[in-house]
C-alpha atoms as a PDB file:
ATOM      1  CA  MET A   1      22.806 -12.698  70.013  1.00  0.00           C
ATOM      2  CA  LYS A   2      19.397 -14.132  70.938  1.00  0.00           C
ATOM      3  CA  GLU A   3      16.837 -11.700  72.213  1.00  0.00           C
ATOM      4  CA  ILE A   4      13.832 -12.343  74.549  1.00  0.00           C
ATOM      5  CA  LYS A   5      11.286  -9.624  75.208  1.00  0.00           C
ATOM      6  CA  PHE A   6       8.688  -9.514  77.938  1.00  0.00           C
ATOM      7  CA  CYS A   7       5.774  -7.118  78.527  1.00  0.00           C
ATOM      8  CA  GLU A   8       5.759  -5.595  82.033  1.00  0.00           C
ATOM      9  CA  ASN A   9       1.920  -5.715  81.940  1.00  0.00           C
ATOM     10  CA  ASN A  10       2.202  -9.548  81.815  1.00  0.00           C
ATOM     11  CA  PHE A  11       3.958  -9.791  85.216  1.00  0.00           C
ATOM     12  CA  GLY A  12       0.620 -10.717  86.826  1.00  0.00           C
ATOM     13  CA  TYR A  13       1.245 -14.176  85.349  1.00  0.00           C
ATOM     14  CA  GLU A  14       4.568 -14.459  87.225  1.00  0.00           C
ATOM     15  CA  THR A  15       6.621 -13.774  84.088  1.00  0.00           C
ATOM     16  CA  GLU A  16       8.902 -11.521  86.136  1.00  0.00           C
ATOM     17  CA  ASN A  17      10.217 -14.763  87.730  1.00  0.00           C
ATOM     18  CA  VAL A  18      10.939 -16.109  84.261  1.00  0.00           C
ATOM     19  CA  VAL A  19      12.811 -12.879  83.354  1.00  0.00           C
ATOM     20  CA  ASN A  20      14.963 -13.182  86.478  1.00  0.00           C
ATOM     21  CA  LYS A  21      15.640 -16.896  85.938  1.00  0.00           C
ATOM     22  CA  LEU A  22      16.623 -16.367  82.279  1.00  0.00           C
ATOM     23  CA  LYS A  23      18.933 -13.467  83.197  1.00  0.00           C
ATOM     24  CA  GLU A  24      20.674 -15.676  85.729  1.00  0.00           C
ATOM     25  CA  THR A  25      21.058 -18.775  83.548  1.00  0.00           C
ATOM     26  CA  LEU A  26      21.501 -17.650  79.938  1.00  0.00           C
ATOM     27  CA  GLN A  27      24.736 -16.311  78.464  1.00  0.00           C
ATOM     28  CA  ASN A  28      24.857 -14.361  75.204  1.00  0.00           C
ATOM     29  CA  THR A  29      21.103 -13.668  75.366  1.00  0.00           C
ATOM     30  CA  LYS A  30      19.526 -10.264  75.730  1.00  0.00           C
ATOM     31  CA  VAL A  31      16.525 -10.421  78.090  1.00  0.00           C
ATOM     32  CA  GLU A  32      14.526  -7.219  78.205  1.00  0.00           C
ATOM     33  CA  VAL A  33      11.235  -5.891  79.587  1.00  0.00           C
ATOM     34  CA  SER A  34       9.197  -3.355  77.692  1.00  0.00           C
ATOM     35  CA  PRO A  35       6.155  -1.309  78.811  1.00  0.00           C
ATOM     36  CA  CYS A  36       4.078  -2.888  75.970  1.00  0.00           C
ATOM     37  CA  LEU A  37       4.833  -5.255  73.105  1.00  0.00           C
ATOM     38  CA  GLY A  38       1.548  -4.745  71.252  1.00  0.00           C
ATOM     39  CA  HIS A  39       0.081  -8.187  72.035  1.00  0.00           C
ATOM     40  CA  CYS A  40      -2.605  -6.873  74.399  1.00  0.00           C
ATOM     41  CA  GLY A  41      -5.146  -9.609  73.725  1.00  0.00           C
ATOM     42  CA  GLU A  42      -2.636 -12.421  74.317  1.00  0.00           C
ATOM     43  CA  CYS A  43      -1.055 -10.496  77.236  1.00  0.00           C
ATOM     44  CA  ALA A  44      -4.447 -10.566  79.021  1.00  0.00           C
ATOM     45  CA  GLU A  45      -4.818 -14.310  78.550  1.00  0.00           C
ATOM     46  CA  GLY A  46      -1.629 -15.717  79.936  1.00  0.00           C
ATOM     47  CA  PRO A  47       2.220 -15.742  80.112  1.00  0.00           C
ATOM     48  CA  PHE A  48       4.070 -14.976  76.850  1.00  0.00           C
ATOM     49  CA  ALA A  49       7.340 -13.738  75.510  1.00  0.00           C
ATOM     50  CA  LEU A  50       8.892 -12.821  72.140  1.00  0.00           C
ATOM     51  CA  VAL A  51      11.956 -14.939  71.396  1.00  0.00           C
ATOM     52  CA  ASP A  52      13.748 -13.405  68.400  1.00  0.00           C
ATOM     53  CA  ASP A  53      10.386 -11.803  67.579  1.00  0.00           C
ATOM     54  CA  GLU A  54       8.602 -15.181  67.631  1.00  0.00           C
ATOM     55  CA  PHE A  55       5.514 -15.240  69.888  1.00  0.00           C
ATOM     56  CA  ILE A  56       5.689 -17.987  72.570  1.00  0.00           C
ATOM     57  CA  SER A  57       2.940 -18.525  75.092  1.00  0.00           C
ATOM     58  CA  ALA A  58       2.079 -21.000  77.813  1.00  0.00           C
ATOM     59  CA  ASP A  59      -0.485 -21.800  80.513  1.00  0.00           C
ATOM     60  CA  THR A  60       1.986 -21.104  83.381  1.00  0.00           C
ATOM     61  CA  ALA A  61       5.201 -19.149  83.883  1.00  0.00           C
ATOM     62  CA  GLU A  62       7.190 -22.343  84.496  1.00  0.00           C
ATOM     63  CA  THR A  63       5.924 -23.870  81.225  1.00  0.00           C
ATOM     64  CA  LEU A  64       6.837 -20.623  79.415  1.00  0.00           C
ATOM     65  CA  TYR A  65      10.367 -20.841  80.819  1.00  0.00           C
ATOM     66  CA  ASN A  66      10.682 -24.405  79.542  1.00  0.00           C
ATOM     67  CA  LYS A  67       9.297 -23.537  76.121  1.00  0.00           C
ATOM     68  CA  ILE A  68      11.750 -20.679  75.809  1.00  0.00           C
ATOM     69  CA  ILE A  69      14.708 -22.872  76.771  1.00  0.00           C
ATOM     70  CA  ASN A  70      13.556 -25.547  74.311  1.00  0.00           C
ATOM     71  CA  HIS A  71      13.145 -22.923  71.548  1.00  0.00           C
ATOM     72  CA  LEU A  72      16.677 -21.617  72.128  1.00  0.00           C
ATOM     73  CA  THR A  73      18.286 -25.038  72.178  1.00  0.00           C
ATOM     74  CA  SER A  74      16.463 -26.531  69.172  1.00  0.00           C
END
């Protein structure tokens, strides 16, 4: 099963919308939110997620969503 992790401290970049959208659209994928993922420098700079422990970042939440989908389908 694929796993996507988000930091709740990153929600200021609208990543909570990405979490909700992924939970609605993806099957067989675990989407979870943690208090901290240990990427504090990157977390302060913009939206990010860990997809199967691979760091993925973007300039906007929508771009992050698209990058995650592309990563999962490639």
